[in-house]
Amino acid sequence: MRVILFIAMTVLLAPVSAAPVVTYDFASEEQEALFNKLSNELRCLVCQNQAISDSNADLAKDLRDEIYGMLQQGKGEKEIVDFMVARYGDFVLYRPPMKPMTWALWFGPAIALVVGFFLVLRIVRKQRKAAAAEISNEDMERLKALQSEAQQMHKQDGAD
């Protein structure tokens, strides 16, 4: 029974179709290395958390083809990246440039971490104060009496 269940799950969870692998012919190894670098540094706009080199989306394939075509035309890395940013915006870059429009991306996580730390610190302090305020005067007197009893017993044990 377990074998049948395993086979059924494997068949159901297996990918239905696989995208064909597209190969490109490059004039030099440097050109191929630049293609691979750009394909790994540019974000798929459909998948969002995948590089275009890893994505099977049609747009990612089109972007790879566009990069290949521009490399064949003799364009450099800066020209290709500038073209992609002009066409799709800074979102296409995994490492957006430092400018006012992207400050939230660069500084947002650190600010959120600091603010969260101070909020947690404030909550802990409030809870401590509330716990200390809950002890009544009567309880404080009993606590002091118990402490003095314990000290007297300790002194008596030491004297014996």
N, C-alpha and C. Protein backbone atom coordinates (compact mmCIF):
# COMPACT_ATOMS: atom_id res chain seq x y z
N MET A 1 0.82 -1.19 0.00
CA MET A 1 0.00 0.00 0.00
C MET A 1 0.87 1.26 0.00
N ARG A 2 1.93 1.26 0.80
CA ARG A 2 2.83 2.41 0.87
C ARG A 2 3.51 2.64 -0.47
N VAL A 3 3.85 1.57 -1.16
CA VAL A 3 4.50 1.70 -2.46
C VAL A 3 3.55 2.35 -3.46
N ILE A 4 2.31 1.95 -3.46
CA ILE A 4 1.32 2.52 -4.38
C ILE A 4 1.11 4.00 -4.06
N LEU A 5 1.03 4.33 -2.77
CA LEU A 5 0.87 5.72 -2.36
C LEU A 5 2.08 6.55 -2.77
N PHE A 6 3.28 6.02 -2.60
CA PHE A 6 4.50 6.72 -2.99
C PHE A 6 4.52 6.97 -4.51
N ILE A 7 4.17 5.97 -5.28
CA ILE A 7 4.15 6.12 -6.74
C ILE A 7 3.10 7.14 -7.16
N ALA A 8 1.92 7.08 -6.54
CA ALA A 8 0.86 8.03 -6.88
C ALA A 8 1.29 9.46 -6.55
N MET A 9 1.91 9.67 -5.39
CA MET A 9 2.36 11.01 -5.01
C MET A 9 3.47 11.50 -5.93
N THR A 10 4.36 10.60 -6.32
CA THR A 10 5.44 10.98 -7.23
C THR A 10 4.89 11.42 -8.57
N VAL A 11 3.93 10.70 -9.08
CA VAL A 11 3.33 11.05 -10.37
C VAL A 11 2.55 12.35 -10.27
N LEU A 12 1.82 12.53 -9.19
CA LEU A 12 1.01 13.75 -9.04
C LEU A 12 1.86 14.99 -8.80
N LEU A 13 2.95 14.83 -8.09
CA LEU A 13 3.77 15.99 -7.76
C LEU A 13 4.86 16.26 -8.78
N ALA A 14 5.07 15.37 -9.72
CA ALA A 14 6.10 15.57 -10.74
C ALA A 14 5.68 16.70 -11.68
N PRO A 15 6.63 17.47 -12.17
CA PRO A 15 6.28 18.53 -13.11
C PRO A 15 5.64 17.96 -14.37
N VAL A 16 4.61 18.65 -14.83
CA VAL A 16 3.86 18.17 -15.98
C VAL A 16 4.65 18.38 -17.27
N SER A 17 5.26 19.54 -17.38
CA SER A 17 6.05 19.79 -18.58
C SER A 17 7.35 20.46 -18.20
N ALA A 18 8.35 20.21 -18.96
CA ALA A 18 9.64 20.82 -18.73
C ALA A 18 9.96 21.73 -19.90
N ALA A 19 10.54 22.86 -19.60
CA ALA A 19 10.88 23.80 -20.65
C ALA A 19 12.11 23.30 -21.40
N PRO A 20 12.13 23.50 -22.71
CA PRO A 20 13.31 23.08 -23.46
C PRO A 20 14.51 23.96 -23.10
N VAL A 21 15.68 23.37 -23.16
CA VAL A 21 16.90 24.10 -22.85
C VAL A 21 17.36 24.80 -24.12
N VAL A 22 17.53 26.11 -24.02
CA VAL A 22 17.96 26.89 -25.17
C VAL A 22 19.45 27.13 -25.03
N THR A 23 20.17 26.84 -26.08
CA THR A 23 21.61 27.08 -26.06
C THR A 23 21.93 28.23 -27.01
N TYR A 24 22.91 28.99 -26.65
CA TYR A 24 23.33 30.14 -27.45
C TYR A 24 24.77 29.91 -27.90
N ASP A 25 25.09 30.37 -29.07
CA ASP A 25 26.46 30.31 -29.59
C ASP A 25 27.11 31.67 -29.40
N PHE A 26 28.24 31.69 -28.75
CA PHE A 26 28.93 32.94 -28.46
C PHE A 26 30.23 33.01 -29.25
N ALA A 27 30.65 34.23 -29.55
CA ALA A 27 31.88 34.45 -30.30
C ALA A 27 33.11 34.21 -29.44
N SER A 28 32.97 34.43 -28.11
CA SER A 28 34.12 34.24 -27.22
C SER A 28 33.63 33.79 -25.85
N GLU A 29 34.58 33.31 -25.06
CA GLU A 29 34.25 32.90 -23.70
C GLU A 29 33.88 34.10 -22.84
N GLU A 30 34.50 35.27 -23.10
CA GLU A 30 34.18 36.48 -22.36
C GLU A 30 32.73 36.88 -22.58
N GLN A 31 32.28 36.75 -23.83
CA GLN A 31 30.90 37.09 -24.16
C GLN A 31 29.93 36.14 -23.44
N GLU A 32 30.29 34.86 -23.41
CA GLU A 32 29.45 33.88 -22.71
C GLU A 32 29.44 34.15 -21.21
N ALA A 33 30.61 34.51 -20.66
CA ALA A 33 30.69 34.81 -19.23
C ALA A 33 29.84 36.05 -18.90
N LEU A 34 29.86 37.06 -19.76
CA LEU A 34 29.05 38.25 -19.55
C LEU A 34 27.57 37.93 -19.64
N PHE A 35 27.19 37.08 -20.59
CA PHE A 35 25.80 36.64 -20.71
C PHE A 35 25.34 35.96 -19.43
N ASN A 36 26.16 35.04 -18.93
CA ASN A 36 25.81 34.32 -17.70
C ASN A 36 25.74 35.27 -16.51
N LYS A 37 26.67 36.22 -16.43
CA LYS A 37 26.66 37.19 -15.33
C LYS A 37 25.38 38.01 -15.37
N LEU A 38 25.04 38.55 -16.52
CA LEU A 38 23.83 39.37 -16.65
C LEU A 38 22.57 38.55 -16.38
N SER A 39 22.55 37.32 -16.86
CA SER A 39 21.38 36.46 -16.66
C SER A 39 21.18 36.14 -15.19
N ASN A 40 22.26 36.09 -14.43
CA ASN A 40 22.16 35.82 -12.99
C ASN A 40 21.89 37.07 -12.17
N GLU A 41 22.20 38.25 -12.70
CA GLU A 41 22.02 39.49 -11.95
C GLU A 41 20.70 40.18 -12.24
N LEU A 42 20.01 39.79 -13.30
CA LEU A 42 18.74 40.43 -13.63
C LEU A 42 17.60 39.56 -13.13
N ARG A 43 16.61 40.21 -12.52
CA ARG A 43 15.48 39.53 -11.90
C ARG A 43 14.39 39.25 -12.92
N CYS A 44 13.79 38.09 -12.82
CA CYS A 44 12.62 37.77 -13.63
C CYS A 44 11.46 38.59 -13.10
N LEU A 45 10.82 39.34 -13.96
CA LEU A 45 9.73 40.22 -13.54
C LEU A 45 8.45 39.45 -13.26
N VAL A 46 8.36 38.22 -13.74
CA VAL A 46 7.19 37.39 -13.49
C VAL A 46 7.37 36.63 -12.18
N CYS A 47 8.51 35.98 -12.05
CA CYS A 47 8.78 35.16 -10.86
C CYS A 47 9.21 36.01 -9.67
N GLN A 48 9.85 37.10 -9.88
CA GLN A 48 10.28 38.10 -8.92
C GLN A 48 11.42 37.66 -8.02
N ASN A 49 11.47 36.45 -7.59
CA ASN A 49 12.58 36.03 -6.73
C ASN A 49 13.49 35.03 -7.43
N GLN A 50 13.49 35.07 -8.74
CA GLN A 50 14.38 34.23 -9.52
C GLN A 50 15.12 35.09 -10.51
N ALA A 51 16.34 34.70 -10.77
CA ALA A 51 17.09 35.35 -11.84
C ALA A 51 16.51 34.87 -13.17
N ILE A 52 16.73 35.64 -14.22
CA ILE A 52 16.18 35.22 -15.52
C ILE A 52 16.86 33.95 -16.01
N SER A 53 18.06 33.66 -15.50
CA SER A 53 18.73 32.42 -15.90
C SER A 53 18.04 31.19 -15.32
N ASP A 54 17.33 31.35 -14.19
CA ASP A 54 16.68 30.23 -13.52
C ASP A 54 15.20 30.09 -13.86
N SER A 55 14.64 31.10 -14.50
CA SER A 55 13.20 31.14 -14.72
C SER A 55 12.80 30.52 -16.05
N ASN A 56 11.66 29.85 -16.04
CA ASN A 56 11.10 29.29 -17.27
C ASN A 56 9.97 30.15 -17.83
N ALA A 57 9.75 31.32 -17.24
CA ALA A 57 8.69 32.21 -17.71
C ALA A 57 9.03 32.72 -19.12
N ASP A 58 7.99 32.98 -19.90
CA ASP A 58 8.20 33.46 -21.27
C ASP A 58 8.95 34.79 -21.28
N LEU A 59 8.64 35.67 -20.33
CA LEU A 59 9.33 36.96 -20.28
C LEU A 59 10.82 36.77 -19.99
N ALA A 60 11.16 35.84 -19.12
CA ALA A 60 12.56 35.57 -18.81
C ALA A 60 13.29 35.07 -20.05
N LYS A 61 12.62 34.22 -20.82
CA LYS A 61 13.22 33.74 -22.08
C LYS A 61 13.43 34.91 -23.03
N ASP A 62 12.44 35.80 -23.12
CA ASP A 62 12.58 36.98 -23.98
C ASP A 62 13.73 37.87 -23.53
N LEU A 63 13.89 38.03 -22.22
CA LEU A 63 14.99 38.84 -21.71
C LEU A 63 16.34 38.20 -22.00
N ARG A 64 16.43 36.88 -21.87
CA ARG A 64 17.68 36.19 -22.22
C ARG A 64 17.98 36.38 -23.70
N ASP A 65 16.95 36.26 -24.54
CA ASP A 65 17.14 36.47 -25.98
C ASP A 65 17.58 37.90 -26.27
N GLU A 66 17.01 38.84 -25.55
CA GLU A 66 17.36 40.26 -25.73
C GLU A 66 18.82 40.49 -25.35
N ILE A 67 19.24 39.93 -24.23
CA ILE A 67 20.64 40.06 -23.81
C ILE A 67 21.56 39.44 -24.86
N TYR A 68 21.21 38.26 -25.33
CA TYR A 68 22.02 37.59 -26.34
C TYR A 68 22.12 38.45 -27.60
N GLY A 69 20.99 38.99 -28.06
CA GLY A 69 21.00 39.82 -29.25
C GLY A 69 21.85 41.06 -29.09
N MET A 70 21.76 41.68 -27.92
CA MET A 70 22.56 42.88 -27.67
C MET A 70 24.05 42.56 -27.60
N LEU A 71 24.38 41.40 -27.03
CA LEU A 71 25.79 40.99 -27.00
C LEU A 71 26.30 40.74 -28.42
N GLN A 72 25.46 40.15 -29.26
CA GLN A 72 25.85 39.89 -30.65
C GLN A 72 26.05 41.21 -31.42
N GLN A 73 25.36 42.26 -30.99
CA GLN A 73 25.51 43.57 -31.61
C GLN A 73 26.74 44.31 -31.08
N GLY A 74 27.41 43.73 -30.11
CA GLY A 74 28.63 44.32 -29.57
C GLY A 74 28.40 45.26 -28.41
N LYS A 75 27.22 45.23 -27.82
CA LYS A 75 26.93 46.12 -26.69
C LYS A 75 27.61 45.58 -25.43
N GLY A 76 27.96 46.49 -24.55
CA GLY A 76 28.64 46.14 -23.31
C GLY A 76 27.67 45.95 -22.16
N GLU A 77 28.22 45.59 -21.02
CA GLU A 77 27.42 45.31 -19.83
C GLU A 77 26.60 46.53 -19.40
N LYS A 78 27.25 47.69 -19.34
CA LYS A 78 26.56 48.90 -18.91
C LYS A 78 25.42 49.26 -19.85
N GLU A 79 25.63 49.13 -21.13
CA GLU A 79 24.58 49.44 -22.10
C GLU A 79 23.38 48.51 -21.94
N ILE A 80 23.66 47.24 -21.74
CA ILE A 80 22.58 46.26 -21.59
C ILE A 80 21.80 46.51 -20.31
N VAL A 81 22.51 46.74 -19.20
CA VAL A 81 21.84 46.99 -17.92
C VAL A 81 21.04 48.29 -18.01
N ASP A 82 21.61 49.33 -18.60
CA ASP A 82 20.89 50.60 -18.74
C ASP A 82 19.62 50.42 -19.58
N PHE A 83 19.71 49.62 -20.62
CA PHE A 83 18.53 49.35 -21.46
C PHE A 83 17.44 48.65 -20.65
N MET A 84 17.83 47.64 -19.88
CA MET A 84 16.87 46.88 -19.09
C MET A 84 16.22 47.76 -18.01
N VAL A 85 17.03 48.61 -17.37
CA VAL A 85 16.49 49.50 -16.33
C VAL A 85 15.56 50.53 -16.96
N ALA A 86 15.94 51.07 -18.11
CA ALA A 86 15.09 52.05 -18.78
C ALA A 86 13.76 51.42 -19.18
N ARG A 87 13.79 50.18 -19.55
CA ARG A 87 12.58 49.50 -20.03
C ARG A 87 11.71 48.97 -18.89
N TYR A 88 12.36 48.40 -17.84
CA TYR A 88 11.61 47.71 -16.79
C TYR A 88 11.74 48.35 -15.40
N GLY A 89 12.59 49.33 -15.25
CA GLY A 89 12.78 49.98 -13.96
C GLY A 89 13.83 49.28 -13.12
N ASP A 90 14.11 49.88 -11.95
CA ASP A 90 15.14 49.34 -11.05
C ASP A 90 14.78 47.96 -10.51
N PHE A 91 13.52 47.60 -10.57
CA PHE A 91 13.08 46.31 -10.02
C PHE A 91 13.75 45.14 -10.74
N VAL A 92 14.18 45.35 -11.96
CA VAL A 92 14.81 44.27 -12.72
C VAL A 92 16.19 43.91 -12.15
N LEU A 93 16.75 44.80 -11.34
CA LEU A 93 18.07 44.57 -10.76
C LEU A 93 17.94 43.92 -9.39
N TYR A 94 18.78 42.92 -9.12
CA TYR A 94 18.81 42.34 -7.78
C TYR A 94 19.45 43.31 -6.79
N ARG A 95 20.39 44.11 -7.26
CA ARG A 95 21.03 45.11 -6.42
C ARG A 95 20.71 46.49 -6.96
N PRO A 96 19.59 47.06 -6.52
CA PRO A 96 19.20 48.37 -7.04
C PRO A 96 20.21 49.44 -6.63
N PRO A 97 20.33 50.51 -7.44
CA PRO A 97 21.29 51.57 -7.10
C PRO A 97 20.83 52.36 -5.88
N MET A 98 21.79 53.01 -5.23
CA MET A 98 21.49 53.82 -4.05
C MET A 98 21.02 55.18 -4.54
N LYS A 99 19.72 55.43 -4.41
CA LYS A 99 19.14 56.72 -4.75
C LYS A 99 17.87 56.89 -3.92
N PRO A 100 17.33 58.11 -3.84
CA PRO A 100 16.18 58.34 -2.95
C PRO A 100 15.01 57.38 -3.17
N MET A 101 14.78 56.96 -4.38
CA MET A 101 13.66 56.06 -4.65
C MET A 101 13.88 54.66 -4.07
N THR A 102 15.13 54.30 -3.81
CA THR A 102 15.42 52.95 -3.32
C THR A 102 15.93 52.95 -1.88
N TRP A 103 15.88 54.09 -1.20
CA TRP A 103 16.36 54.13 0.18
C TRP A 103 15.59 53.17 1.07
N ALA A 104 14.31 53.01 0.83
CA ALA A 104 13.52 52.08 1.64
C ALA A 104 14.04 50.65 1.50
N LEU A 105 14.49 50.28 0.31
CA LEU A 105 15.04 48.95 0.10
C LEU A 105 16.36 48.76 0.84
N TRP A 106 17.16 49.80 0.84
CA TRP A 106 18.48 49.71 1.45
C TRP A 106 18.43 49.85 2.97
N PHE A 107 17.64 50.81 3.47
CA PHE A 107 17.66 51.10 4.90
C PHE A 107 16.45 50.56 5.66
N GLY A 108 15.40 50.20 4.95
CA GLY A 108 14.17 49.73 5.58
C GLY A 108 14.37 48.58 6.55
N PRO A 109 15.06 47.51 6.16
CA PRO A 109 15.23 46.38 7.08
C PRO A 109 15.98 46.76 8.36
N ALA A 110 17.02 47.59 8.24
CA ALA A 110 17.77 47.99 9.44
C ALA A 110 16.91 48.85 10.35
N ILE A 111 16.16 49.77 9.77
CA ILE A 111 15.28 50.63 10.57
C ILE A 111 14.21 49.79 11.26
N ALA A 112 13.63 48.85 10.55
CA ALA A 112 12.61 47.98 11.14
C ALA A 112 13.20 47.15 12.29
N LEU A 113 14.42 46.69 12.14
CA LEU A 113 15.07 45.92 13.20
C LEU A 113 15.29 46.77 14.44
N VAL A 114 15.79 48.00 14.27
CA VAL A 114 16.03 48.89 15.41
C VAL A 114 14.72 49.25 16.10
N VAL A 115 13.70 49.61 15.31
CA VAL A 115 12.40 49.97 15.88
C VAL A 115 11.81 48.77 16.63
N GLY A 116 11.91 47.59 16.05
CA GLY A 116 11.41 46.38 16.71
C GLY A 116 12.13 46.10 18.02
N PHE A 117 13.45 46.31 18.04
CA PHE A 117 14.22 46.11 19.27
C PHE A 117 13.73 47.04 20.37
N PHE A 118 13.54 48.32 20.03
CA PHE A 118 13.09 49.27 21.05
C PHE A 118 11.66 48.99 21.49
N LEU A 119 10.80 48.52 20.60
CA LEU A 119 9.44 48.16 21.00
C LEU A 119 9.44 46.98 21.97
N VAL A 120 10.25 45.98 21.68
CA VAL A 120 10.35 44.82 22.58
C VAL A 120 10.91 45.25 23.93
N LEU A 121 11.92 46.10 23.91
CA LEU A 121 12.51 46.60 25.15
C LEU A 121 11.47 47.37 25.97
N ARG A 122 10.68 48.18 25.33
CA ARG A 122 9.63 48.96 26.01
C ARG A 122 8.57 48.05 26.62
N ILE A 123 8.15 47.03 25.87
CA ILE A 123 7.14 46.09 26.37
C ILE A 123 7.67 45.33 27.58
N VAL A 124 8.92 44.89 27.51
CA VAL A 124 9.51 44.15 28.64
C VAL A 124 9.58 45.04 29.88
N ARG A 125 9.98 46.29 29.70
CA ARG A 125 10.05 47.20 30.84
C ARG A 125 8.67 47.44 31.45
N LYS A 126 7.66 47.61 30.61
CA LYS A 126 6.30 47.81 31.12
C LYS A 126 5.83 46.61 31.92
N GLN A 127 6.15 45.41 31.42
CA GLN A 127 5.73 44.20 32.12
C GLN A 127 6.43 44.07 33.46
N ARG A 128 7.70 44.45 33.51
CA ARG A 128 8.43 44.39 34.78
C ARG A 128 7.84 45.36 35.80
N LYS A 129 7.55 46.58 35.32
CA LYS A 129 6.95 47.56 36.22
C LYS A 129 5.59 47.11 36.71
N ALA A 130 4.80 46.54 35.82
CA ALA A 130 3.47 46.07 36.19
C ALA A 130 3.58 44.93 37.20
N ALA A 131 4.54 44.04 37.02
CA ALA A 131 4.72 42.93 37.96
C ALA A 131 5.16 43.44 39.31
N ALA A 132 6.04 44.45 39.34
CA ALA A 132 6.51 45.00 40.60
C ALA A 132 5.39 45.76 41.31
N ALA A 133 4.53 46.42 40.56
CA ALA A 133 3.44 47.19 41.15
C ALA A 133 2.35 46.29 41.71
N GLU A 134 2.27 45.06 41.27
CA GLU A 134 1.23 44.15 41.72
C GLU A 134 1.47 43.64 43.14
N ILE A 135 2.68 43.78 43.65
CA ILE A 135 2.97 43.32 45.00
C ILE A 135 2.45 44.36 45.98
N SER A 136 1.58 43.95 46.84
CA SER A 136 0.98 44.89 47.80
C SER A 136 1.93 45.13 48.97
N ASN A 137 1.60 46.15 49.79
CA ASN A 137 2.41 46.45 50.97
C ASN A 137 2.39 45.30 51.96
N GLU A 138 1.23 44.66 52.07
CA GLU A 138 1.10 43.52 52.99
C GLU A 138 2.03 42.39 52.56
N ASP A 139 2.08 42.14 51.26
CA ASP A 139 2.97 41.08 50.74
C ASP A 139 4.43 41.46 50.97
N MET A 140 4.76 42.73 50.82
CA MET A 140 6.13 43.18 51.04
C MET A 140 6.53 42.95 52.49
N GLU A 141 5.62 43.24 53.42
CA GLU A 141 5.90 43.03 54.84
C GLU A 141 6.14 41.56 55.14
N ARG A 142 5.30 40.69 54.55
CA ARG A 142 5.47 39.24 54.74
C ARG A 142 6.80 38.77 54.16
N LEU A 143 7.16 39.32 53.01
CA LEU A 143 8.42 38.94 52.36
C LEU A 143 9.60 39.36 53.23
N LYS A 144 9.55 40.55 53.79
CA LYS A 144 10.63 41.02 54.67
C LYS A 144 10.72 40.15 55.92
N ALA A 145 9.57 39.77 56.44
CA ALA A 145 9.54 38.91 57.64
C ALA A 145 10.16 37.55 57.32
N LEU A 146 9.83 37.01 56.17
CA LEU A 146 10.41 35.72 55.78
C LEU A 146 11.91 35.83 55.58
N GLN A 147 12.36 36.94 55.01
CA GLN A 147 13.79 37.13 54.81
C GLN A 147 14.52 37.20 56.15
N SER A 148 13.95 37.94 57.07
CA SER A 148 14.61 38.08 58.39
C SER A 148 14.62 36.73 59.11
N GLU A 149 13.54 35.96 58.97
CA GLU A 149 13.52 34.62 59.58
C GLU A 149 14.61 33.75 58.98
N ALA A 150 14.75 33.82 57.67
CA ALA A 150 15.76 33.00 56.99
C ALA A 150 17.15 33.41 57.43
N GLN A 151 17.38 34.70 57.61
CA GLN A 151 18.71 35.16 58.06
C GLN A 151 18.98 34.72 59.48
N GLN A 152 17.96 34.74 60.34
CA GLN A 152 18.15 34.30 61.72
C GLN A 152 18.44 32.80 61.80
N MET A 153 17.72 32.04 60.96
CA MET A 153 17.97 30.60 60.95
C MET A 153 19.37 30.32 60.43
N HIS A 154 19.82 31.09 59.46
CA HIS A 154 21.14 30.90 58.92
C HIS A 154 22.23 31.21 59.97
N LYS A 155 21.98 32.27 60.75
CA LYS A 155 22.92 32.64 61.81
C LYS A 155 22.95 31.56 62.88
N GLN A 156 21.78 30.98 63.22
CA GLN A 156 21.71 29.94 64.23
C GLN A 156 22.42 28.68 63.75
N ASP A 157 22.27 28.36 62.46
CA ASP A 157 22.95 27.19 61.90
C ASP A 157 24.45 27.40 61.94
N GLY A 158 24.89 28.61 61.70
CA GLY A 158 26.33 28.91 61.70
C GLY A 158 26.90 28.87 63.10
N ALA A 159 26.11 29.21 64.13
CA ALA A 159 26.56 29.25 65.52
C ALA A 159 26.65 27.85 66.09
N ASP A 160 25.86 26.92 65.59
CA ASP A 160 25.84 25.56 66.14
C ASP A 160 27.04 24.80 65.75
